[in-house]
């Protein structure tokens, strides 16, 4: 075995050009909408055995989204967060959320 070279020609050639992949996600500029222009829908999931209600997609500015989330969490008395255009709220609170978002001027898909 001494004297033999290791053959690394399995699939890639080291002479090929490599491209560098950036670690950061490129955020696309999303279009900000008025509450009346939204078409929201609900998703229901169980995470670690606990119910989570997702509502979205929401296209508001960061400040408006944070203010709305804070208000909704206070009115519901539950925790929640905003991730990737969806508000995630603890518990199964679909009917109460529909009322609160309708009062804020949002519309829902039928």
PDB file of N, CA and C in Angstrom:
ATOM      1  N   UNK A   1       0.813  -1.186   0.000  1.00  0.00           N
ATOM      2  CA  UNK A   1       0.000   0.000   0.000  1.00  0.00           C
ATOM      3  C   UNK A   1       0.857   1.250   0.000  1.00  0.00           C
ATOM      4  N   UNK A   2       2.041   1.125   0.421  1.00  0.00           N
ATOM      5  CA  UNK A   2       2.912   2.271   0.445  1.00  0.00           C
ATOM      6  C   UNK A   2       3.237   2.695  -0.977  1.00  0.00           C
ATOM      7  N   UNK A   3       3.176   4.019  -1.214  1.00  0.00           N
ATOM      8  CA  UNK A   3       3.490   4.515  -2.538  1.00  0.00           C
ATOM      9  C   UNK A   3       2.265   4.792  -3.385  1.00  0.00           C
ATOM     10  N   UNK A   4       1.100   4.284  -3.021  1.00  0.00           N
ATOM     11  CA  UNK A   4      -0.103   4.557  -3.786  1.00  0.00           C
ATOM     12  C   UNK A   4      -0.686   5.893  -3.362  1.00  0.00           C
ATOM     13  N   UNK A   5      -1.231   6.603  -4.326  1.00  0.00           N
ATOM     14  CA  UNK A   5      -1.830   7.906  -4.050  1.00  0.00           C
ATOM     15  C   UNK A   5      -3.328   7.750  -3.856  1.00  0.00           C
ATOM     16  N   UNK A   6      -3.867   8.592  -3.029  1.00  0.00           N
ATOM     17  CA  UNK A   6      -5.293   8.595  -2.771  1.00  0.00           C
ATOM     18  C   UNK A   6      -6.011   9.253  -3.943  1.00  0.00           C
ATOM     19  N   UNK A   7      -7.019   8.584  -4.501  1.00  0.00           N
ATOM     20  CA  UNK A   7      -7.763   9.098  -5.640  1.00  0.00           C
ATOM     21  C   UNK A   7      -9.018   9.815  -5.135  1.00  0.00           C
ATOM     22  N   UNK A   8      -9.082  11.152  -5.326  1.00  0.00           N
ATOM     23  CA  UNK A   8     -10.201  11.953  -4.848  1.00  0.00           C
ATOM     24  C   UNK A   8     -11.120  12.402  -5.979  1.00  0.00           C
ATOM     25  N   UNK A   9     -11.222  11.632  -6.998  1.00  0.00           N
ATOM     26  CA  UNK A   9     -12.045  12.026  -8.141  1.00  0.00           C
ATOM     27  C   UNK A   9     -13.434  11.389  -8.075  1.00  0.00           C
ATOM     28  N   UNK A  10     -14.066  11.427  -6.932  1.00  0.00           N
ATOM     29  CA  UNK A  10     -15.359  10.781  -6.752  1.00  0.00           C
ATOM     30  C   UNK A  10     -16.454  11.498  -7.529  1.00  0.00           C
ATOM     31  N   UNK A  11     -16.508  12.828  -7.434  1.00  0.00           N
ATOM     32  CA  UNK A  11     -17.594  13.505  -8.132  1.00  0.00           C
ATOM     33  C   UNK A  11     -17.264  14.940  -8.483  1.00  0.00           C
ATOM     34  N   UNK A  12     -16.522  15.590  -7.660  1.00  0.00           N
ATOM     35  CA  UNK A  12     -16.208  16.995  -7.898  1.00  0.00           C
ATOM     36  C   UNK A  12     -14.755  17.124  -8.315  1.00  0.00           C
ATOM     37  N   UNK A  13     -14.519  18.121  -9.094  1.00  0.00           N
ATOM     38  CA  UNK A  13     -13.156  18.425  -9.500  1.00  0.00           C
ATOM     39  C   UNK A  13     -12.716  19.674  -8.760  1.00  0.00           C
ATOM     40  N   UNK A  14     -11.548  19.624  -8.212  1.00  0.00           N
ATOM     41  CA  UNK A  14     -11.070  20.765  -7.439  1.00  0.00           C
ATOM     42  C   UNK A  14     -10.760  21.968  -8.320  1.00  0.00           C
ATOM     43  N   UNK A  15     -10.668  21.766  -9.613  1.00  0.00           N
ATOM     44  CA  UNK A  15     -10.403  22.868 -10.521  1.00  0.00           C
ATOM     45  C   UNK A  15     -11.673  23.659 -10.823  1.00  0.00           C
ATOM     46  N   UNK A  16     -12.862  23.072 -10.540  1.00  0.00           N
ATOM     47  CA  UNK A  16     -14.116  23.771 -10.787  1.00  0.00           C
ATOM     48  C   UNK A  16     -14.186  25.016  -9.909  1.00  0.00           C
ATOM     49  N   UNK A  17     -14.910  26.011 -10.408  1.00  0.00           N
ATOM     50  CA  UNK A  17     -15.055  27.220  -9.617  1.00  0.00           C
ATOM     51  C   UNK A  17     -16.068  26.995  -8.512  1.00  0.00           C
ATOM     52  N   UNK A  18     -15.761  27.509  -7.363  1.00  0.00           N
ATOM     53  CA  UNK A  18     -16.652  27.402  -6.215  1.00  0.00           C
ATOM     54  C   UNK A  18     -17.255  28.756  -5.944  1.00  0.00           C
ATOM     55  N   UNK A  19     -18.495  28.763  -5.528  1.00  0.00           N
ATOM     56  CA  UNK A  19     -19.126  30.026  -5.171  1.00  0.00           C
ATOM     57  C   UNK A  19     -19.306  30.073  -3.659  1.00  0.00           C
ATOM     58  N   UNK A  20     -19.177  31.242  -3.119  1.00  0.00           N
ATOM     59  CA  UNK A  20     -19.317  31.422  -1.682  1.00  0.00           C
ATOM     60  C   UNK A  20     -20.784  31.694  -1.375  1.00  0.00           C
ATOM     61  N   UNK A  21     -21.330  30.950  -0.446  1.00  0.00           N
ATOM     62  CA  UNK A  21     -22.714  31.125  -0.039  1.00  0.00           C
ATOM     63  C   UNK A  21     -22.718  31.979   1.216  1.00  0.00           C
ATOM     64  N   UNK A  22     -23.459  33.053   1.154  1.00  0.00           N
ATOM     65  CA  UNK A  22     -23.548  33.947   2.303  1.00  0.00           C
ATOM     66  C   UNK A  22     -24.386  33.296   3.396  1.00  0.00           C
ATOM     67  N   UNK A  23     -24.014  33.525   4.636  1.00  0.00           N
ATOM     68  CA  UNK A  23     -24.727  32.956   5.768  1.00  0.00           C
ATOM     69  C   UNK A  23     -26.019  33.689   6.090  1.00  0.00           C
ATOM     70  N   UNK A  24     -26.120  34.948   5.692  1.00  0.00           N
ATOM     71  CA  UNK A  24     -27.311  35.725   6.012  1.00  0.00           C
ATOM     72  C   UNK A  24     -28.379  35.520   4.954  1.00  0.00           C
ATOM     73  N   UNK A  25     -29.617  35.504   5.409  1.00  0.00           N
ATOM     74  CA  UNK A  25     -30.743  35.401   4.498  1.00  0.00           C
ATOM     75  C   UNK A  25     -31.004  36.751   3.872  1.00  0.00           C
ATOM     76  N   UNK A  26     -31.238  36.771   2.593  1.00  0.00           N
ATOM     77  CA  UNK A  26     -31.608  37.998   1.915  1.00  0.00           C
ATOM     78  C   UNK A  26     -33.100  38.202   2.104  1.00  0.00           C
ATOM     79  N   UNK A  27     -33.452  39.249   2.801  1.00  0.00           N
ATOM     80  CA  UNK A  27     -34.862  39.535   3.015  1.00  0.00           C
ATOM     81  C   UNK A  27     -35.402  40.295   1.821  1.00  0.00           C
ATOM     82  N   UNK A  28     -36.455  39.768   1.262  1.00  0.00           N
ATOM     83  CA  UNK A  28     -37.069  40.463   0.143  1.00  0.00           C
ATOM     84  C   UNK A  28     -37.934  41.579   0.693  1.00  0.00           C
ATOM     85  N   UNK A  29     -38.011  42.641  -0.052  1.00  0.00           N
ATOM     86  CA  UNK A  29     -38.833  43.759   0.385  1.00  0.00           C
ATOM     87  C   UNK A  29     -40.286  43.392   0.148  1.00  0.00           C
ATOM     88  N   UNK A  30     -41.006  43.257   1.237  1.00  0.00           N
ATOM     89  CA  UNK A  30     -42.408  42.901   1.098  1.00  0.00           C
ATOM     90  C   UNK A  30     -43.231  44.168   1.002  1.00  0.00           C
ATOM     91  N   UNK A  31     -44.342  44.036   0.358  1.00  0.00           N
ATOM     92  CA  UNK A  31     -45.242  45.157   0.167  1.00  0.00           C
ATOM     93  C   UNK A  31     -46.067  45.355   1.430  1.00  0.00           C
ATOM     94  N   UNK A  32     -46.058  46.566   1.969  1.00  0.00           N
ATOM     95  CA  UNK A  32     -46.842  46.867   3.155  1.00  0.00           C
ATOM     96  C   UNK A  32     -48.266  47.183   2.736  1.00  0.00           C
ATOM     97  N   UNK A  33     -49.212  46.574   3.450  1.00  0.00           N
ATOM     98  CA  UNK A  33     -50.618  46.727   3.114  1.00  0.00           C
ATOM     99  C   UNK A  33     -51.382  47.379   4.258  1.00  0.00           C
ATOM    100  N   UNK A  34     -52.474  48.023   3.907  1.00  0.00           N
ATOM    101  CA  UNK A  34     -53.401  48.529   4.913  1.00  0.00           C
ATOM    102  C   UNK A  34     -54.165  47.349   5.487  1.00  0.00           C
ATOM    103  N   UNK A  35     -54.682  47.473   6.723  1.00  0.00           N
ATOM    104  CA  UNK A  35     -55.439  46.352   7.289  1.00  0.00           C
ATOM    105  C   UNK A  35     -56.604  45.893   6.413  1.00  0.00           C
ATOM    106  N   UNK A  36     -57.275  46.812   5.726  1.00  0.00           N
ATOM    107  CA  UNK A  36     -58.421  46.445   4.884  1.00  0.00           C
ATOM    108  C   UNK A  36     -58.022  45.593   3.692  1.00  0.00           C
ATOM    109  N   UNK A  37     -56.766  45.660   3.279  1.00  0.00           N
ATOM    110  CA  UNK A  37     -56.287  44.932   2.094  1.00  0.00           C
ATOM    111  C   UNK A  37     -55.787  43.519   2.421  1.00  0.00           C
ATOM    112  N   UNK A  38     -55.691  43.180   3.691  1.00  0.00           N
ATOM    113  CA  UNK A  38     -55.209  41.858   4.087  1.00  0.00           C
ATOM    114  C   UNK A  38     -56.283  40.792   3.864  1.00  0.00           C
ATOM    115  N   UNK A  39     -55.840  39.596   3.567  1.00  0.00           N
ATOM    116  CA  UNK A  39     -56.700  38.413   3.485  1.00  0.00           C
ATOM    117  C   UNK A  39     -56.094  37.373   4.427  1.00  0.00           C
ATOM    118  N   UNK A  40     -56.452  37.434   5.695  1.00  0.00           N
ATOM    119  CA  UNK A  40     -55.855  36.577   6.710  1.00  0.00           C
ATOM    120  C   UNK A  40     -56.530  35.208   6.753  1.00  0.00           C
ATOM    121  N   UNK A  41     -55.793  34.224   7.237  1.00  0.00           N
ATOM    122  CA  UNK A  41     -56.357  32.907   7.490  1.00  0.00           C
ATOM    123  C   UNK A  41     -55.690  32.315   8.721  1.00  0.00           C
ATOM    124  N   UNK A  42     -56.306  31.280   9.272  1.00  0.00           N
ATOM    125  CA  UNK A  42     -55.833  30.647  10.487  1.00  0.00           C
ATOM    126  C   UNK A  42     -55.160  29.318  10.186  1.00  0.00           C
ATOM    127  N   UNK A  43     -54.182  28.985  11.025  1.00  0.00           N
ATOM    128  CA  UNK A  43     -53.582  27.653  11.060  1.00  0.00           C
ATOM    129  C   UNK A  43     -53.590  27.238  12.515  1.00  0.00           C
ATOM    130  N   UNK A  44     -53.815  25.983  12.753  1.00  0.00           N
ATOM    131  CA  UNK A  44     -53.791  25.465  14.111  1.00  0.00           C
ATOM    132  C   UNK A  44     -52.748  24.359  14.180  1.00  0.00           C
ATOM    133  N   UNK A  45     -51.837  24.455  15.148  1.00  0.00           N
ATOM    134  CA  UNK A  45     -50.790  23.448  15.307  1.00  0.00           C
ATOM    135  C   UNK A  45     -50.666  23.069  16.764  1.00  0.00           C
ATOM    136  N   UNK A  46     -50.091  21.914  16.988  1.00  0.00           N
ATOM    137  CA  UNK A  46     -49.737  21.505  18.344  1.00  0.00           C
ATOM    138  C   UNK A  46     -48.224  21.441  18.392  1.00  0.00           C
ATOM    139  N   UNK A  47     -47.661  22.160  19.328  1.00  0.00           N
ATOM    140  CA  UNK A  47     -46.214  22.172  19.495  1.00  0.00           C
ATOM    141  C   UNK A  47     -45.903  21.717  20.909  1.00  0.00           C
ATOM    142  N   UNK A  48     -45.149  20.636  20.991  1.00  0.00           N
ATOM    143  CA  UNK A  48     -44.822  20.028  22.276  1.00  0.00           C
ATOM    144  C   UNK A  48     -46.088  19.734  23.074  1.00  0.00           C
ATOM    145  N   UNK A  49     -47.140  19.351  22.380  1.00  0.00           N
ATOM    146  CA  UNK A  49     -48.387  18.976  23.019  1.00  0.00           C
ATOM    147  C   UNK A  49     -49.297  20.127  23.390  1.00  0.00           C
ATOM    148  N   UNK A  50     -48.888  21.349  23.081  1.00  0.00           N
ATOM    149  CA  UNK A  50     -49.704  22.513  23.437  1.00  0.00           C
ATOM    150  C   UNK A  50     -50.235  23.175  22.168  1.00  0.00           C
ATOM    151  N   UNK A  51     -51.484  23.672  22.214  1.00  0.00           N
ATOM    152  CA  UNK A  51     -52.074  24.287  21.017  1.00  0.00           C
ATOM    153  C   UNK A  51     -51.490  25.669  20.722  1.00  0.00           C
ATOM    154  N   UNK A  52     -51.291  25.939  19.438  1.00  0.00           N
ATOM    155  CA  UNK A  52     -50.810  27.235  18.960  1.00  0.00           C
ATOM    156  C   UNK A  52     -51.683  27.653  17.786  1.00  0.00           C
ATOM    157  N   UNK A  53     -52.165  28.891  17.815  1.00  0.00           N
ATOM    158  CA  UNK A  53     -52.953  29.431  16.718  1.00  0.00           C
ATOM    159  C   UNK A  53     -52.080  30.394  15.929  1.00  0.00           C
ATOM    160  N   UNK A  54     -51.981  30.165  14.626  1.00  0.00           N
ATOM    161  CA  UNK A  54     -51.227  31.047  13.739  1.00  0.00           C
ATOM    162  C   UNK A  54     -52.214  31.834  12.899  1.00  0.00           C
ATOM    163  N   UNK A  55     -51.962  33.117  12.733  1.00  0.00           N
ATOM    164  CA  UNK A  55     -52.821  33.968  11.917  1.00  0.00           C
ATOM    165  C   UNK A  55     -51.926  34.805  11.017  1.00  0.00           C
ATOM    166  N   UNK A  56     -52.275  34.876   9.728  1.00  0.00           N
ATOM    167  CA  UNK A  56     -51.444  35.636   8.804  1.00  0.00           C
ATOM    168  C   UNK A  56     -51.870  35.375   7.383  1.00  0.00           C
ATOM    169  N   UNK A  57     -51.144  35.774   6.400  1.00  0.00           N
ATOM    170  CA  UNK A  57     -49.915  36.557   6.447  1.00  0.00           C
ATOM    171  C   UNK A  57     -50.212  38.033   6.698  1.00  0.00           C
ATOM    172  N   UNK A  58     -49.383  38.640   7.531  1.00  0.00           N
ATOM    173  CA  UNK A  58     -49.550  40.034   7.912  1.00  0.00           C
ATOM    174  C   UNK A  58     -48.424  40.837   7.297  1.00  0.00           C
ATOM    175  N   UNK A  59     -48.777  41.877   6.548  1.00  0.00           N
ATOM    176  CA  UNK A  59     -47.796  42.729   5.864  1.00  0.00           C
ATOM    177  C   UNK A  59     -47.924  44.159   6.370  1.00  0.00           C
ATOM    178  N   UNK A  60     -47.443  44.368   7.583  1.00  0.00           N
ATOM    179  CA  UNK A  60     -47.417  45.705   8.178  1.00  0.00           C
ATOM    180  C   UNK A  60     -45.974  46.064   8.480  1.00  0.00           C
ATOM    181  N   UNK A  61     -45.733  47.326   8.814  1.00  0.00           N
ATOM    182  CA  UNK A  61     -44.389  47.715   9.214  1.00  0.00           C
ATOM    183  C   UNK A  61     -44.065  47.065  10.548  1.00  0.00           C
ATOM    184  N   UNK A  62     -42.794  47.028  10.875  1.00  0.00           N
ATOM    185  CA  UNK A  62     -42.357  46.369  12.102  1.00  0.00           C
ATOM    186  C   UNK A  62     -42.999  47.010  13.332  1.00  0.00           C
ATOM    187  N   UNK A  63     -43.065  48.333  13.356  1.00  0.00           N
ATOM    188  CA  UNK A  63     -43.636  49.047  14.496  1.00  0.00           C
ATOM    189  C   UNK A  63     -45.128  48.746  14.643  1.00  0.00           C
ATOM    190  N   UNK A  64     -45.850  48.749  13.517  1.00  0.00           N
ATOM    191  CA  UNK A  64     -47.280  48.452  13.555  1.00  0.00           C
ATOM    192  C   UNK A  64     -47.533  47.017  14.008  1.00  0.00           C
ATOM    193  N   UNK A  65     -46.712  46.089  13.534  1.00  0.00           N
ATOM    194  CA  UNK A  65     -46.870  44.682  13.891  1.00  0.00           C
ATOM    195  C   UNK A  65     -46.624  44.479  15.378  1.00  0.00           C
ATOM    196  N   UNK A  66     -45.568  45.100  15.899  1.00  0.00           N
ATOM    197  CA  UNK A  66     -45.263  44.960  17.322  1.00  0.00           C
ATOM    198  C   UNK A  66     -46.370  45.550  18.181  1.00  0.00           C
ATOM    199  N   UNK A  67     -46.904  46.699  17.788  1.00  0.00           N
ATOM    200  CA  UNK A  67     -47.988  47.330  18.546  1.00  0.00           C
ATOM    201  C   UNK A  67     -49.249  46.467  18.519  1.00  0.00           C
ATOM    202  N   UNK A  68     -49.572  45.916  17.345  1.00  0.00           N
ATOM    203  CA  UNK A  68     -50.752  45.059  17.214  1.00  0.00           C
ATOM    204  C   UNK A  68     -50.589  43.787  18.041  1.00  0.00           C
ATOM    205  N   UNK A  69     -49.425  43.174  17.979  1.00  0.00           N
ATOM    206  CA  UNK A  69     -49.164  41.951  18.738  1.00  0.00           C
ATOM    207  C   UNK A  69     -49.281  42.213  20.239  1.00  0.00           C
ATOM    208  N   UNK A  70     -48.722  43.314  20.691  1.00  0.00           N
ATOM    209  CA  UNK A  70     -48.788  43.661  22.110  1.00  0.00           C
ATOM    210  C   UNK A  70     -50.241  43.838  22.554  1.00  0.00           C
ATOM    211  N   UNK A  71     -51.031  44.522  21.733  1.00  0.00           N
ATOM    212  CA  UNK A  71     -52.434  44.760  22.052  1.00  0.00           C
ATOM    213  C   UNK A  71     -53.224  43.450  22.095  1.00  0.00           C
ATOM    214  N   UNK A  72     -53.023  42.583  21.104  1.00  0.00           N
ATOM    215  CA  UNK A  72     -53.732  41.315  21.019  1.00  0.00           C
ATOM    216  C   UNK A  72     -53.363  40.421  22.207  1.00  0.00           C
ATOM    217  N   UNK A  73     -52.079  40.346  22.538  1.00  0.00           N
ATOM    218  CA  UNK A  73     -51.645  39.512  23.658  1.00  0.00           C
ATOM    219  C   UNK A  73     -52.264  39.996  24.967  1.00  0.00           C
ATOM    220  N   UNK A  74     -52.339  41.308  25.131  1.00  0.00           N
ATOM    221  CA  UNK A  74     -52.922  41.866  26.355  1.00  0.00           C
ATOM    222  C   UNK A  74     -54.413  41.556  26.442  1.00  0.00           C
ATOM    223  N   UNK A  75     -55.138  41.701  25.322  1.00  0.00           N
ATOM    224  CA  UNK A  75     -56.572  41.421  25.316  1.00  0.00           C
ATOM    225  C   UNK A  75     -56.886  39.941  25.524  1.00  0.00           C
ATOM    226  N   UNK A  76     -56.027  39.072  24.982  1.00  0.00           N
ATOM    227  CA  UNK A  76     -56.237  37.628  25.134  1.00  0.00           C
ATOM    228  C   UNK A  76     -55.723  37.092  26.461  1.00  0.00           C
ATOM    229  N   UNK A  77     -54.739  37.781  27.027  1.00  0.00           N
ATOM    230  CA  UNK A  77     -54.123  37.282  28.254  1.00  0.00           C
ATOM    231  C   UNK A  77     -53.260  36.071  28.005  1.00  0.00           C
ATOM    232  N   UNK A  78     -52.614  36.028  26.850  1.00  0.00           N
ATOM    233  CA  UNK A  78     -51.747  34.897  26.519  1.00  0.00           C
ATOM    234  C   UNK A  78     -50.474  35.405  25.861  1.00  0.00           C
ATOM    235  N   UNK A  79     -49.537  34.512  25.689  1.00  0.00           N
ATOM    236  CA  UNK A  79     -48.277  34.849  25.055  1.00  0.00           C
ATOM    237  C   UNK A  79     -48.347  34.668  23.555  1.00  0.00           C
ATOM    238  N   UNK A  80     -47.353  35.209  22.884  1.00  0.00           N
ATOM    239  CA  UNK A  80     -47.306  35.053  21.440  1.00  0.00           C
ATOM    240  C   UNK A  80     -46.077  35.708  20.865  1.00  0.00           C
ATOM    241  N   UNK A  81     -45.882  35.517  19.574  1.00  0.00           N
ATOM    242  CA  UNK A  81     -44.752  36.110  18.870  1.00  0.00           C
ATOM    243  C   UNK A  81     -45.122  36.310  17.409  1.00  0.00           C
ATOM    244  N   UNK A  82     -44.227  36.988  16.683  1.00  0.00           N
ATOM    245  CA  UNK A  82     -44.422  37.225  15.257  1.00  0.00           C
ATOM    246  C   UNK A  82     -43.216  36.661  14.525  1.00  0.00           C
ATOM    247  N   UNK A  83     -43.475  35.691  13.638  1.00  0.00           N
ATOM    248  CA  UNK A  83     -42.396  35.060  12.877  1.00  0.00           C
ATOM    249  C   UNK A  83     -42.835  34.856  11.441  1.00  0.00           C
ATOM    250  N   UNK A  84     -42.042  35.327  10.514  1.00  0.00           N
ATOM    251  CA  UNK A  84     -42.235  35.088   9.080  1.00  0.00           C
ATOM    252  C   UNK A  84     -43.669  35.348   8.626  1.00  0.00           C
ATOM    253  N   UNK A  85     -44.156  36.535   8.842  1.00  0.00           N
ATOM    254  CA  UNK A  85     -45.469  37.008   8.401  1.00  0.00           C
ATOM    255  C   UNK A  85     -46.644  36.397   9.151  1.00  0.00           C
ATOM    256  N   UNK A  86     -46.433  35.592  10.172  1.00  0.00           N
ATOM    257  CA  UNK A  86     -47.520  34.989  10.931  1.00  0.00           C
ATOM    258  C   UNK A  86     -47.386  35.327  12.406  1.00  0.00           C
ATOM    259  N   UNK A  87     -48.526  35.656  13.023  1.00  0.00           N
ATOM    260  CA  UNK A  87     -48.560  35.814  14.472  1.00  0.00           C
ATOM    261  C   UNK A  87     -48.850  34.453  15.066  1.00  0.00           C
ATOM    262  N   UNK A  88     -48.053  34.072  16.050  1.00  0.00           N
ATOM    263  CA  UNK A  88     -48.220  32.798  16.736  1.00  0.00           C
ATOM    264  C   UNK A  88     -48.695  33.103  18.142  1.00  0.00           C
ATOM    265  N   UNK A  89     -49.900  32.653  18.471  1.00  0.00           N
ATOM    266  CA  UNK A  89     -50.475  32.916  19.778  1.00  0.00           C
ATOM    267  C   UNK A  89     -50.773  31.611  20.500  1.00  0.00           C
ATOM    268  N   UNK A  90     -50.525  31.602  21.791  1.00  0.00           N
ATOM    269  CA  UNK A  90     -50.717  30.393  22.583  1.00  0.00           C
ATOM    270  C   UNK A  90     -52.202  30.101  22.751  1.00  0.00           C
ATOM    271  N   UNK A  91     -52.554  28.850  22.618  1.00  0.00           N
ATOM    272  CA  UNK A  91     -53.918  28.416  22.848  1.00  0.00           C
ATOM    273  C   UNK A  91     -54.749  28.352  21.584  1.00  0.00           C
ATOM    274  N   UNK A  92     -55.939  27.796  21.731  1.00  0.00           N
ATOM    275  CA  UNK A  92     -56.895  27.699  20.635  1.00  0.00           C
ATOM    276  C   UNK A  92     -57.882  28.848  20.790  1.00  0.00           C
ATOM    277  N   UNK A  93     -57.590  29.968  20.140  1.00  0.00           N
ATOM    278  CA  UNK A  93     -58.371  31.192  20.340  1.00  0.00           C
ATOM    279  C   UNK A  93     -58.847  31.789  19.021  1.00  0.00           C
ATOM    280  N   UNK A  94     -59.243  30.933  18.103  1.00  0.00           N
ATOM    281  CA  UNK A  94     -59.608  31.363  16.753  1.00  0.00           C
ATOM    282  C   UNK A  94     -60.778  32.345  16.742  1.00  0.00           C
ATOM    283  N   UNK A  95     -61.846  32.046  17.443  1.00  0.00           N
ATOM    284  CA  UNK A  95     -63.037  32.909  17.413  1.00  0.00           C
ATOM    285  C   UNK A  95     -62.763  34.273  18.024  1.00  0.00           C
ATOM    286  N   UNK A  96     -62.076  34.279  19.139  1.00  0.00           N
ATOM    287  CA  UNK A  96     -61.741  35.562  19.794  1.00  0.00           C
ATOM    288  C   UNK A  96     -60.800  36.378  18.912  1.00  0.00           C
ATOM    289  N   UNK A  97     -59.840  35.736  18.262  1.00  0.00           N
ATOM    290  CA  UNK A  97     -58.922  36.438  17.357  1.00  0.00           C
ATOM    291  C   UNK A  97     -59.658  37.033  16.167  1.00  0.00           C
ATOM    292  N   UNK A  98     -60.617  36.290  15.632  1.00  0.00           N
ATOM    293  CA  UNK A  98     -61.389  36.790  14.497  1.00  0.00           C
ATOM    294  C   UNK A  98     -62.097  38.095  14.885  1.00  0.00           C
ATOM    295  N   UNK A  99     -62.683  38.138  16.081  1.00  0.00           N
ATOM    296  CA  UNK A  99     -63.355  39.349  16.556  1.00  0.00           C
ATOM    297  C   UNK A  99     -62.374  40.511  16.691  1.00  0.00           C
ATOM    298  N   UNK A 100     -61.228  40.261  17.329  1.00  0.00           N
ATOM    299  CA  UNK A 100     -60.252  41.324  17.570  1.00  0.00           C
ATOM    300  C   UNK A 100     -59.666  41.872  16.274  1.00  0.00           C
ATOM    301  N   UNK A 101     -59.340  40.997  15.332  1.00  0.00           N
ATOM    302  CA  UNK A 101     -58.765  41.452  14.068  1.00  0.00           C
ATOM    303  C   UNK A 101     -59.811  42.157  13.209  1.00  0.00           C
ATOM    304  N   UNK A 102     -61.066  41.738  13.287  1.00  0.00           N
ATOM    305  CA  UNK A 102     -62.130  42.410  12.551  1.00  0.00           C
ATOM    306  C   UNK A 102     -62.334  43.819  13.091  1.00  0.00           C
ATOM    307  N   UNK A 103     -62.242  43.982  14.402  1.00  0.00           N
ATOM    308  CA  UNK A 103     -62.342  45.307  15.008  1.00  0.00           C
ATOM    309  C   UNK A 103     -61.201  46.222  14.562  1.00  0.00           C
ATOM    310  N   UNK A 104     -60.038  45.636  14.280  1.00  0.00           N
ATOM    311  CA  UNK A 104     -58.890  46.411  13.819  1.00  0.00           C
ATOM    312  C   UNK A 104     -58.961  46.717  12.324  1.00  0.00           C
ATOM    313  N   UNK A 105     -59.948  46.142  11.623  1.00  0.00           N
ATOM    314  CA  UNK A 105     -60.139  46.439  10.210  1.00  0.00           C
ATOM    315  C   UNK A 105     -59.601  45.379   9.255  1.00  0.00           C
ATOM    316  N   UNK A 106     -59.138  44.252   9.745  1.00  0.00           N
ATOM    317  CA  UNK A 106     -58.617  43.190   8.897  1.00  0.00           C
ATOM    318  C   UNK A 106     -59.755  42.346   8.338  1.00  0.00           C
ATOM    319  N   UNK A 107     -59.476  41.690   7.194  1.00  0.00           N
ATOM    320  CA  UNK A 107     -60.457  40.795   6.559  1.00  0.00           C
ATOM    321  C   UNK A 107     -59.879  39.394   6.533  1.00  0.00           C
ATOM    322  N   UNK A 108     -60.766  38.411   6.389  1.00  0.00           N
ATOM    323  CA  UNK A 108     -60.370  37.011   6.381  1.00  0.00           C
ATOM    324  C   UNK A 108     -60.811  36.339   5.098  1.00  0.00           C
ATOM    325  N   UNK A 109     -60.053  35.318   4.710  1.00  0.00           N
ATOM    326  CA  UNK A 109     -60.448  34.485   3.573  1.00  0.00           C
ATOM    327  C   UNK A 109     -61.623  33.647   4.018  1.00  0.00           C
ATOM    328  N   UNK A 110     -62.507  33.328   3.070  1.00  0.00           N
ATOM    329  CA  UNK A 110     -63.683  32.535   3.408  1.00  0.00           C
ATOM    330  C   UNK A 110     -63.460  31.089   3.123  1.00  0.00           C
TER     331      UNK A 110
END
